[in-house]
Amino acid sequence: MASRHIRAIAVSLAVALAPMSAGHVLAQTVATAASLQTTIQTAARSAAAQPGFARLSAQAKAAAIQAAIAGALAGTGASSEVIAAALVQAVAAGTVSAGVAIQVTAQVAPEMAQQVAQAPAVQAQLAATGQAATVTQTASTTDAGAPSVLVSLQGAASTAPAGGEAGAGAGGGTTTVAPAPYDPCAGVVAAYCGN
């Protein structure tokens, strides 16, 4: 009989303390932009470790990295503001390219995509690599009610003299402008963008 009472008291204490300890753990694991850097790096590395990753095109590598990072960040429960700040920090650190950061933001925190695209670190990396990004918010929303975002990434235009003569005089011809392809690994020091 005494053992039943002891068990009942132990069960009552466990039930009463469980919500307190869960709240304590929750309070200790609030995500910050700095703490999400490890999440971003780990997700990128794990995507790059997949069989056949090295043989993928640059665009396919970027898509795999974006999917891995987006999934990892969505699973953290971090706010859109924290996710956006973490992605800007990752660009500044050279962990991800500006284009990858903007695309991931458009997936997991679409309302912050324009802010990430305009962040000084993102703009600096785009300019340094001769690339540009355009973020357009559409009238539709996602299933979660967030605004839908379209991101256009492109390389800077390259110019070549018309007529094929590189030594043509200053007033002798027009130039043609051809957009360069977007390079998702331009400016990125992370190993996953290697061969």
C-alpha atoms as a PDB file:
ATOM      1  CA  MET A   1       0.000   0.000   0.000  1.00  0.00           C
ATOM      2  CA  ALA A   2       2.814   2.408   0.848  1.00  0.00           C
ATOM      3  CA  SER A   3       4.501   1.674  -2.473  1.00  0.00           C
ATOM      4  CA  ARG A   4       1.304   2.673  -4.290  1.00  0.00           C
ATOM      5  CA  HIS A   5       1.306   6.034  -2.522  1.00  0.00           C
ATOM      6  CA  ILE A   6       4.962   6.591  -3.340  1.00  0.00           C
ATOM      7  CA  ARG A   7       4.314   5.750  -6.997  1.00  0.00           C
ATOM      8  CA  ALA A   8       1.311   8.054  -7.066  1.00  0.00           C
ATOM      9  CA  ILE A   9       3.349  10.899  -5.583  1.00  0.00           C
ATOM     10  CA  ALA A  10       6.175  10.266  -8.066  1.00  0.00           C
ATOM     11  CA  VAL A  11       3.730  10.268 -10.992  1.00  0.00           C
ATOM     12  CA  SER A  12       2.065  13.448  -9.716  1.00  0.00           C
ATOM     13  CA  LEU A  13       5.426  15.186  -9.400  1.00  0.00           C
ATOM     14  CA  ALA A  14       6.479  14.068 -12.882  1.00  0.00           C
ATOM     15  CA  VAL A  15       3.236  15.362 -14.397  1.00  0.00           C
ATOM     16  CA  ALA A  16       3.510  18.663 -12.517  1.00  0.00           C
ATOM     17  CA  LEU A  17       7.186  19.227 -13.391  1.00  0.00           C
ATOM     18  CA  ALA A  18       6.987  18.212 -17.053  1.00  0.00           C
ATOM     19  CA  PRO A  19       5.446  21.481 -18.306  1.00  0.00           C
ATOM     20  CA  MET A  20       7.960  23.505 -16.305  1.00  0.00           C
ATOM     21  CA  SER A  21      10.955  21.647 -17.676  1.00  0.00           C
ATOM     22  CA  ALA A  22       9.593  21.792 -21.245  1.00  0.00           C
ATOM     23  CA  GLY A  23       9.180  25.556 -20.900  1.00  0.00           C
ATOM     24  CA  HIS A  24      12.685  25.809 -19.487  1.00  0.00           C
ATOM     25  CA  VAL A  25      14.134  23.895 -22.446  1.00  0.00           C
ATOM     26  CA  LEU A  26      12.104  26.009 -24.863  1.00  0.00           C
ATOM     27  CA  ALA A  27      13.413  29.199 -23.295  1.00  0.00           C
ATOM     28  CA  GLN A  28      16.987  27.957 -23.656  1.00  0.00           C
ATOM     29  CA  THR A  29      16.676  27.065 -27.358  1.00  0.00           C
ATOM     30  CA  VAL A  30      15.349  30.301 -28.829  1.00  0.00           C
ATOM     31  CA  ALA A  31      16.984  30.647 -32.223  1.00  0.00           C
ATOM     32  CA  THR A  32      19.136  33.662 -33.002  1.00  0.00           C
ATOM     33  CA  ALA A  33      20.753  34.722 -36.260  1.00  0.00           C
ATOM     34  CA  ALA A  34      24.128  33.647 -34.874  1.00  0.00           C
ATOM     35  CA  SER A  35      22.877  30.252 -33.682  1.00  0.00           C
ATOM     36  CA  LEU A  36      21.335  29.539 -37.092  1.00  0.00           C
ATOM     37  CA  GLN A  37      24.735  29.817 -38.802  1.00  0.00           C
ATOM     38  CA  THR A  38      25.512  26.252 -37.745  1.00  0.00           C
ATOM     39  CA  THR A  39      22.131  25.101 -39.086  1.00  0.00           C
ATOM     40  CA  ILE A  40      22.819  26.743 -42.453  1.00  0.00           C
ATOM     41  CA  GLN A  41      26.358  25.332 -42.705  1.00  0.00           C
ATOM     42  CA  THR A  42      25.298  21.832 -41.658  1.00  0.00           C
ATOM     43  CA  ALA A  43      22.420  21.785 -44.156  1.00  0.00           C
ATOM     44  CA  ALA A  44      24.684  22.927 -46.993  1.00  0.00           C
ATOM     45  CA  ARG A  45      27.352  20.355 -46.107  1.00  0.00           C
ATOM     46  CA  SER A  46      24.834  17.532 -45.869  1.00  0.00           C
ATOM     47  CA  ALA A  47      23.384  18.414 -49.284  1.00  0.00           C
ATOM     48  CA  ALA A  48      26.894  18.487 -50.746  1.00  0.00           C
ATOM     49  CA  ALA A  49      27.653  15.085 -49.215  1.00  0.00           C
ATOM     50  CA  GLN A  50      24.860  13.411 -51.184  1.00  0.00           C
ATOM     51  CA  PRO A  51      26.053  10.921 -53.824  1.00  0.00           C
ATOM     52  CA  GLY A  52      26.421  12.512 -57.248  1.00  0.00           C
ATOM     53  CA  PHE A  53      26.384  16.095 -55.961  1.00  0.00           C
ATOM     54  CA  ALA A  54      29.770  16.905 -57.512  1.00  0.00           C
ATOM     55  CA  ARG A  55      28.490  15.938 -60.977  1.00  0.00           C
ATOM     56  CA  LEU A  56      25.470  18.258 -60.806  1.00  0.00           C
ATOM     57  CA  SER A  57      25.314  21.499 -62.769  1.00  0.00           C
ATOM     58  CA  ALA A  58      25.807  24.741 -60.859  1.00  0.00           C
ATOM     59  CA  GLN A  59      22.047  25.380 -60.999  1.00  0.00           C
ATOM     60  CA  ALA A  60      21.230  21.892 -59.686  1.00  0.00           C
ATOM     61  CA  LYS A  61      23.782  22.309 -56.886  1.00  0.00           C
ATOM     62  CA  ALA A  62      22.162  25.602 -55.936  1.00  0.00           C
ATOM     63  CA  ALA A  63      18.694  23.989 -55.935  1.00  0.00           C
ATOM     64  CA  ALA A  64      19.901  21.157 -53.688  1.00  0.00           C
ATOM     65  CA  ILE A  65      21.588  23.585 -51.291  1.00  0.00           C
ATOM     66  CA  GLN A  66      18.512  25.844 -51.246  1.00  0.00           C
ATOM     67  CA  ALA A  67      16.186  22.935 -50.487  1.00  0.00           C
ATOM     68  CA  ALA A  68      18.409  21.645 -47.687  1.00  0.00           C
ATOM     69  CA  ILE A  69      18.832  25.061 -46.054  1.00  0.00           C
ATOM     70  CA  ALA A  70      15.140  25.948 -46.427  1.00  0.00           C
ATOM     71  CA  GLY A  71      14.093  22.664 -44.832  1.00  0.00           C
ATOM     72  CA  ALA A  72      16.549  23.044 -41.974  1.00  0.00           C
ATOM     73  CA  LEU A  73      15.552  26.650 -41.250  1.00  0.00           C
ATOM     74  CA  ALA A  74      11.831  25.884 -41.454  1.00  0.00           C
ATOM     75  CA  GLY A  75      12.349  23.157 -38.864  1.00  0.00           C
ATOM     76  CA  THR A  76      13.920  25.534 -36.331  1.00  0.00           C
ATOM     77  CA  GLY A  77      10.723  27.432 -35.621  1.00  0.00           C
ATOM     78  CA  ALA A  78      12.666  30.696 -35.819  1.00  0.00           C
ATOM     79  CA  SER A  79      10.828  33.874 -36.723  1.00  0.00           C
ATOM     80  CA  SER A  80      11.007  35.298 -40.233  1.00  0.00           C
ATOM     81  CA  GLU A  81      13.120  38.194 -38.977  1.00  0.00           C
ATOM     82  CA  VAL A  82      15.678  35.868 -37.377  1.00  0.00           C
ATOM     83  CA  ILE A  83      15.832  33.668 -40.490  1.00  0.00           C
ATOM     84  CA  ALA A  84      16.372  36.713 -42.695  1.00  0.00           C
ATOM     85  CA  ALA A  85      19.125  38.051 -40.422  1.00  0.00           C
ATOM     86  CA  ALA A  86      20.793  34.618 -40.351  1.00  0.00           C
ATOM     87  CA  LEU A  87      20.812  34.386 -44.142  1.00  0.00           C
ATOM     88  CA  VAL A  88      22.294  37.878 -44.480  1.00  0.00           C
ATOM     89  CA  GLN A  89      25.013  36.877 -41.993  1.00  0.00           C
ATOM     90  CA  ALA A  90      25.680  33.714 -44.005  1.00  0.00           C
ATOM     91  CA  VAL A  91      26.158  35.814 -47.151  1.00  0.00           C
ATOM     92  CA  ALA A  92      28.518  38.168 -45.316  1.00  0.00           C
ATOM     93  CA  ALA A  93      30.522  35.156 -44.096  1.00  0.00           C
ATOM     94  CA  GLY A  94      30.688  33.643 -47.588  1.00  0.00           C
ATOM     95  CA  THR A  95      28.763  30.555 -46.516  1.00  0.00           C
ATOM     96  CA  VAL A  96      26.053  30.966 -49.154  1.00  0.00           C
ATOM     97  CA  SER A  97      25.720  33.140 -52.215  1.00  0.00           C
ATOM     98  CA  ALA A  98      23.415  36.123 -52.223  1.00  0.00           C
ATOM     99  CA  GLY A  99      21.149  34.380 -54.721  1.00  0.00           C
ATOM    100  CA  VAL A 100      20.812  31.280 -52.556  1.00  0.00           C
ATOM    101  CA  ALA A 101      20.016  33.454 -49.513  1.00  0.00           C
ATOM    102  CA  ILE A 102      17.317  35.357 -51.400  1.00  0.00           C
ATOM    103  CA  GLN A 103      15.782  32.156 -52.808  1.00  0.00           C
ATOM    104  CA  VAL A 104      15.730  30.453 -49.392  1.00  0.00           C
ATOM    105  CA  THR A 105      14.152  33.547 -47.824  1.00  0.00           C
ATOM    106  CA  ALA A 106      11.497  33.566 -50.544  1.00  0.00           C
ATOM    107  CA  GLN A 107      10.654  29.969 -49.578  1.00  0.00           C
ATOM    108  CA  VAL A 108      10.664  30.112 -45.767  1.00  0.00           C
ATOM    109  CA  ALA A 109      10.096  33.802 -44.982  1.00  0.00           C
ATOM    110  CA  PRO A 110       8.668  35.351 -48.169  1.00  0.00           C
ATOM    111  CA  GLU A 111       7.678  38.589 -46.485  1.00  0.00           C
ATOM    112  CA  MET A 112      11.384  39.199 -45.751  1.00  0.00           C
ATOM    113  CA  ALA A 113      12.741  38.428 -49.256  1.00  0.00           C
ATOM    114  CA  GLN A 114      12.875  42.056 -50.348  1.00  0.00           C
ATOM    115  CA  GLN A 115      14.646  43.052 -47.136  1.00  0.00           C
ATOM    116  CA  VAL A 116      17.274  40.325 -47.619  1.00  0.00           C
ATOM    117  CA  ALA A 117      17.746  41.294 -51.268  1.00  0.00           C
ATOM    118  CA  GLN A 118      18.392  44.902 -50.236  1.00  0.00           C
ATOM    119  CA  ALA A 119      20.723  44.127 -47.315  1.00  0.00           C
ATOM    120  CA  PRO A 120      24.141  45.762 -47.774  1.00  0.00           C
ATOM    121  CA  ALA A 121      26.045  42.448 -47.524  1.00  0.00           C
ATOM    122  CA  VAL A 122      23.798  40.863 -50.154  1.00  0.00           C
ATOM    123  CA  GLN A 123      24.024  43.856 -52.491  1.00  0.00           C
ATOM    124  CA  ALA A 124      27.808  43.969 -52.070  1.00  0.00           C
ATOM    125  CA  GLN A 125      28.171  40.279 -52.932  1.00  0.00           C
ATOM    126  CA  LEU A 126      25.901  40.602 -55.958  1.00  0.00           C
ATOM    127  CA  ALA A 127      27.860  43.640 -57.198  1.00  0.00           C
ATOM    128  CA  ALA A 128      31.247  42.002 -56.547  1.00  0.00           C
ATOM    129  CA  THR A 129      30.259  38.978 -58.625  1.00  0.00           C
ATOM    130  CA  GLY A 130      28.560  40.937 -61.397  1.00  0.00           C
ATOM    131  CA  GLN A 131      25.119  39.588 -60.607  1.00  0.00           C
ATOM    132  CA  ALA A 132      21.693  41.075 -59.980  1.00  0.00           C
ATOM    133  CA  ALA A 133      18.510  39.957 -58.245  1.00  0.00           C
ATOM    134  CA  THR A 134      14.951  41.176 -58.631  1.00  0.00           C
ATOM    135  CA  VAL A 135      12.319  40.304 -56.024  1.00  0.00           C
ATOM    136  CA  THR A 136       8.664  40.693 -56.962  1.00  0.00           C
ATOM    137  CA  GLN A 137       5.820  40.088 -54.555  1.00  0.00           C
ATOM    138  CA  THR A 138       2.795  38.640 -56.326  1.00  0.00           C
ATOM    139  CA  ALA A 139      -0.875  39.115 -55.511  1.00  0.00           C
ATOM    140  CA  SER A 140      -1.272  35.476 -54.474  1.00  0.00           C
ATOM    141  CA  THR A 141      -0.397  33.940 -51.137  1.00  0.00           C
ATOM    142  CA  THR A 142       1.029  30.586 -50.072  1.00  0.00           C
ATOM    143  CA  ASP A 143      -1.012  27.932 -48.260  1.00  0.00           C
ATOM    144  CA  ALA A 144       0.216  29.402 -44.972  1.00  0.00           C
ATOM    145  CA  GLY A 145      -1.092  32.847 -45.942  1.00  0.00           C
ATOM    146  CA  ALA A 146       2.328  34.382 -46.643  1.00  0.00           C
ATOM    147  CA  PRO A 147       2.812  36.492 -49.762  1.00  0.00           C
ATOM    148  CA  SER A 148       4.067  34.669 -52.821  1.00  0.00           C
ATOM    149  CA  VAL A 149       7.419  35.930 -54.076  1.00  0.00           C
ATOM    150  CA  LEU A 150       9.143  35.620 -57.441  1.00  0.00           C
ATOM    151  CA  VAL A 151      12.923  35.973 -57.554  1.00  0.00           C
ATOM    152  CA  SER A 152      14.818  36.624 -60.773  1.00  0.00           C
ATOM    153  CA  LEU A 153      18.568  36.086 -60.628  1.00  0.00           C
ATOM    154  CA  GLN A 154      20.849  36.958 -63.491  1.00  0.00           C
ATOM    155  CA  GLY A 155      24.436  37.672 -64.306  1.00  0.00           C
ATOM    156  CA  ALA A 156      25.509  41.124 -65.321  1.00  0.00           C
ATOM    157  CA  ALA A 157      25.309  41.917 -69.003  1.00  0.00           C
ATOM    158  CA  SER A 158      28.469  41.432 -70.973  1.00  0.00           C
ATOM    159  CA  THR A 159      29.172  43.674 -73.934  1.00  0.00           C
ATOM    160  CA  ALA A 160      30.911  42.884 -77.162  1.00  0.00           C
ATOM    161  CA  PRO A 161      31.577  45.156 -80.131  1.00  0.00           C
ATOM    162  CA  ALA A 162      29.257  44.664 -83.073  1.00  0.00           C
ATOM    163  CA  GLY A 163      30.806  43.256 -86.228  1.00  0.00           C
ATOM    164  CA  GLY A 164      33.256  41.085 -84.284  1.00  0.00           C
ATOM    165  CA  GLU A 165      36.165  43.526 -84.441  1.00  0.00           C
ATOM    166  CA  ALA A 166      37.613  44.107 -81.018  1.00  0.00           C
ATOM    167  CA  GLY A 167      39.820  46.967 -82.224  1.00  0.00           C
ATOM    168  CA  ALA A 168      37.046  49.041 -83.834  1.00  0.00           C
ATOM    169  CA  GLY A 169      37.243  52.803 -83.357  1.00  0.00           C
ATOM    170  CA  ALA A 170      35.312  54.617 -80.636  1.00  0.00           C
ATOM    171  CA  GLY A 171      32.592  55.894 -82.965  1.00  0.00           C
ATOM    172  CA  GLY A 172      32.424  52.938 -85.299  1.00  0.00           C
ATOM    173  CA  GLY A 173      29.610  50.622 -84.285  1.00  0.00           C
ATOM    174  CA  THR A 174      27.091  49.529 -81.753  1.00  0.00           C
ATOM    175  CA  THR A 175      27.519  47.081 -78.925  1.00  0.00           C
ATOM    176  CA  THR A 176      25.371  44.078 -78.270  1.00  0.00           C
ATOM    177  CA  VAL A 177      24.417  43.223 -74.713  1.00  0.00           C
ATOM    178  CA  ALA A 178      24.043  39.599 -73.728  1.00  0.00           C
ATOM    179  CA  PRO A 179      23.067  38.633 -70.192  1.00  0.00           C
ATOM    180  CA  ALA A 180      25.654  36.412 -68.560  1.00  0.00           C
ATOM    181  CA  PRO A 181      24.367  33.252 -66.883  1.00  0.00           C
ATOM    182  CA  TYR A 182      23.689  33.440 -63.147  1.00  0.00           C
ATOM    183  CA  ASP A 183      26.362  31.675 -61.110  1.00  0.00           C
ATOM    184  CA  PRO A 184      24.959  30.493 -57.750  1.00  0.00           C
ATOM    185  CA  CYS A 185      28.451  29.790 -56.420  1.00  0.00           C
ATOM    186  CA  ALA A 186      30.004  33.154 -57.280  1.00  0.00           C
ATOM    187  CA  GLY A 187      31.513  34.673 -54.167  1.00  0.00           C
ATOM    188  CA  VAL A 188      30.972  31.603 -52.012  1.00  0.00           C
ATOM    189  CA  VAL A 189      33.816  30.109 -50.013  1.00  0.00           C
ATOM    190  CA  ALA A 190      31.881  27.043 -48.835  1.00  0.00           C
ATOM    191  CA  ALA A 191      33.262  23.687 -49.944  1.00  0.00           C
ATOM    192  CA  TYR A 192      29.959  22.550 -51.472  1.00  0.00           C
ATOM    193  CA  CYS A 193      30.440  24.941 -54.393  1.00  0.00           C
ATOM    194  CA  GLY A 194      33.615  23.173 -55.449  1.00  0.00           C
ATOM    195  CA  ASN A 195      33.826  20.553 -58.194  1.00  0.00           C
END
